[in-house]
């Protein structure tokens, strides 16, 4: 599950970087207002935070949930 979390986080970072690049281009080639740039930063933070939260949650999902119900209560044999 951690691999899925890493993938979602990667896409969130790519989306955030793309949105931030649009914001920088708007700041440089547009009116040059700092308030407009900060709104782009806030919008870019949303996919990054979603990716970060999914990474946090999916990294803590244990593989024991994938076991059949009758085997969950049995101790794991270690030799």
Protein backbone atom coordinates (compact mmCIF):
# COMPACT_ATOMS: atom_id res chain seq x y z
CA UNK A 1 0.00 0.00 0.00
CA UNK A 2 2.95 2.28 0.53
CA UNK A 3 3.76 2.09 -3.19
CA UNK A 4 0.27 3.35 -3.99
CA UNK A 5 0.77 6.17 -1.50
CA UNK A 6 4.09 7.06 -3.13
CA UNK A 7 2.45 7.12 -6.56
CA UNK A 8 -0.39 9.37 -5.41
CA UNK A 9 2.09 11.63 -3.64
CA UNK A 10 4.24 11.84 -6.79
CA UNK A 11 1.25 12.88 -8.90
CA UNK A 12 0.24 15.41 -6.26
CA UNK A 13 3.74 16.90 -6.40
CA UNK A 14 3.67 17.03 -10.21
CA UNK A 15 0.28 18.74 -10.19
CA UNK A 16 1.38 21.21 -7.51
CA UNK A 17 4.57 22.04 -9.41
CA UNK A 18 2.60 22.60 -12.61
CA UNK A 19 0.14 24.90 -10.87
CA UNK A 20 2.97 26.76 -9.19
CA UNK A 21 4.75 27.17 -12.55
CA UNK A 22 1.58 28.70 -13.98
CA UNK A 23 1.47 31.03 -11.00
CA UNK A 24 5.08 32.10 -11.48
CA UNK A 25 4.46 32.72 -15.19
CA UNK A 26 1.35 34.73 -14.33
CA UNK A 27 3.35 36.77 -11.84
CA UNK A 28 6.24 37.47 -14.23
CA UNK A 29 4.30 38.06 -17.43
CA UNK A 30 1.01 39.28 -15.99
CA UNK A 31 0.23 42.21 -13.77
CA UNK A 32 2.90 41.21 -11.24
CA UNK A 33 0.59 41.31 -8.24
CA UNK A 34 1.78 39.41 -5.20
CA UNK A 35 -1.78 38.65 -4.07
CA UNK A 36 -2.45 36.80 -7.34
CA UNK A 37 0.75 34.80 -6.91
CA UNK A 38 -0.17 33.86 -3.34
CA UNK A 39 -3.54 32.58 -4.52
CA UNK A 40 -1.71 30.32 -6.99
CA UNK A 41 0.46 29.08 -4.12
CA UNK A 42 -2.63 28.20 -2.06
CA UNK A 43 -4.19 26.40 -5.02
CA UNK A 44 -0.95 24.47 -5.61
CA UNK A 45 -0.84 23.41 -1.97
CA UNK A 46 -4.13 21.50 -2.27
CA UNK A 47 -2.95 18.59 -4.49
CA UNK A 48 0.33 18.45 -2.58
CA UNK A 49 -1.52 18.11 0.74
CA UNK A 50 -3.85 15.47 -0.68
CA UNK A 51 -0.85 13.47 -1.89
CA UNK A 52 0.96 13.89 1.42
CA UNK A 53 -2.11 12.78 3.39
CA UNK A 54 -2.56 9.72 1.17
CA UNK A 55 1.09 8.82 1.65
CA UNK A 56 0.71 9.13 5.42
CA UNK A 57 -2.47 7.05 5.56
CA UNK A 58 -1.49 4.33 3.09
CA UNK A 59 1.93 3.86 4.68
CA UNK A 60 0.22 2.81 7.89
CA UNK A 61 -2.18 0.29 6.37
CA UNK A 62 -1.02 -3.10 7.55
CA UNK A 63 -0.88 -6.13 5.34
CA UNK A 64 -2.67 -8.19 7.99
CA UNK A 65 -5.94 -6.73 6.69
CA UNK A 66 -5.46 -8.76 3.51
CA UNK A 67 -5.44 -12.08 5.37
CA UNK A 68 -8.58 -14.23 5.48
CA UNK A 69 -10.75 -13.69 8.56
CA UNK A 70 -10.02 -17.11 10.12
CA UNK A 71 -6.26 -16.51 9.96
CA UNK A 72 -6.17 -13.03 11.51
CA UNK A 73 -6.35 -14.25 15.09
CA UNK A 74 -3.71 -16.94 14.71
CA UNK A 75 -0.22 -15.97 15.83
CA UNK A 76 2.38 -15.66 13.13
CA UNK A 77 4.79 -18.57 13.25
CA UNK A 78 8.42 -17.57 13.57
CA UNK A 79 11.17 -20.16 13.41
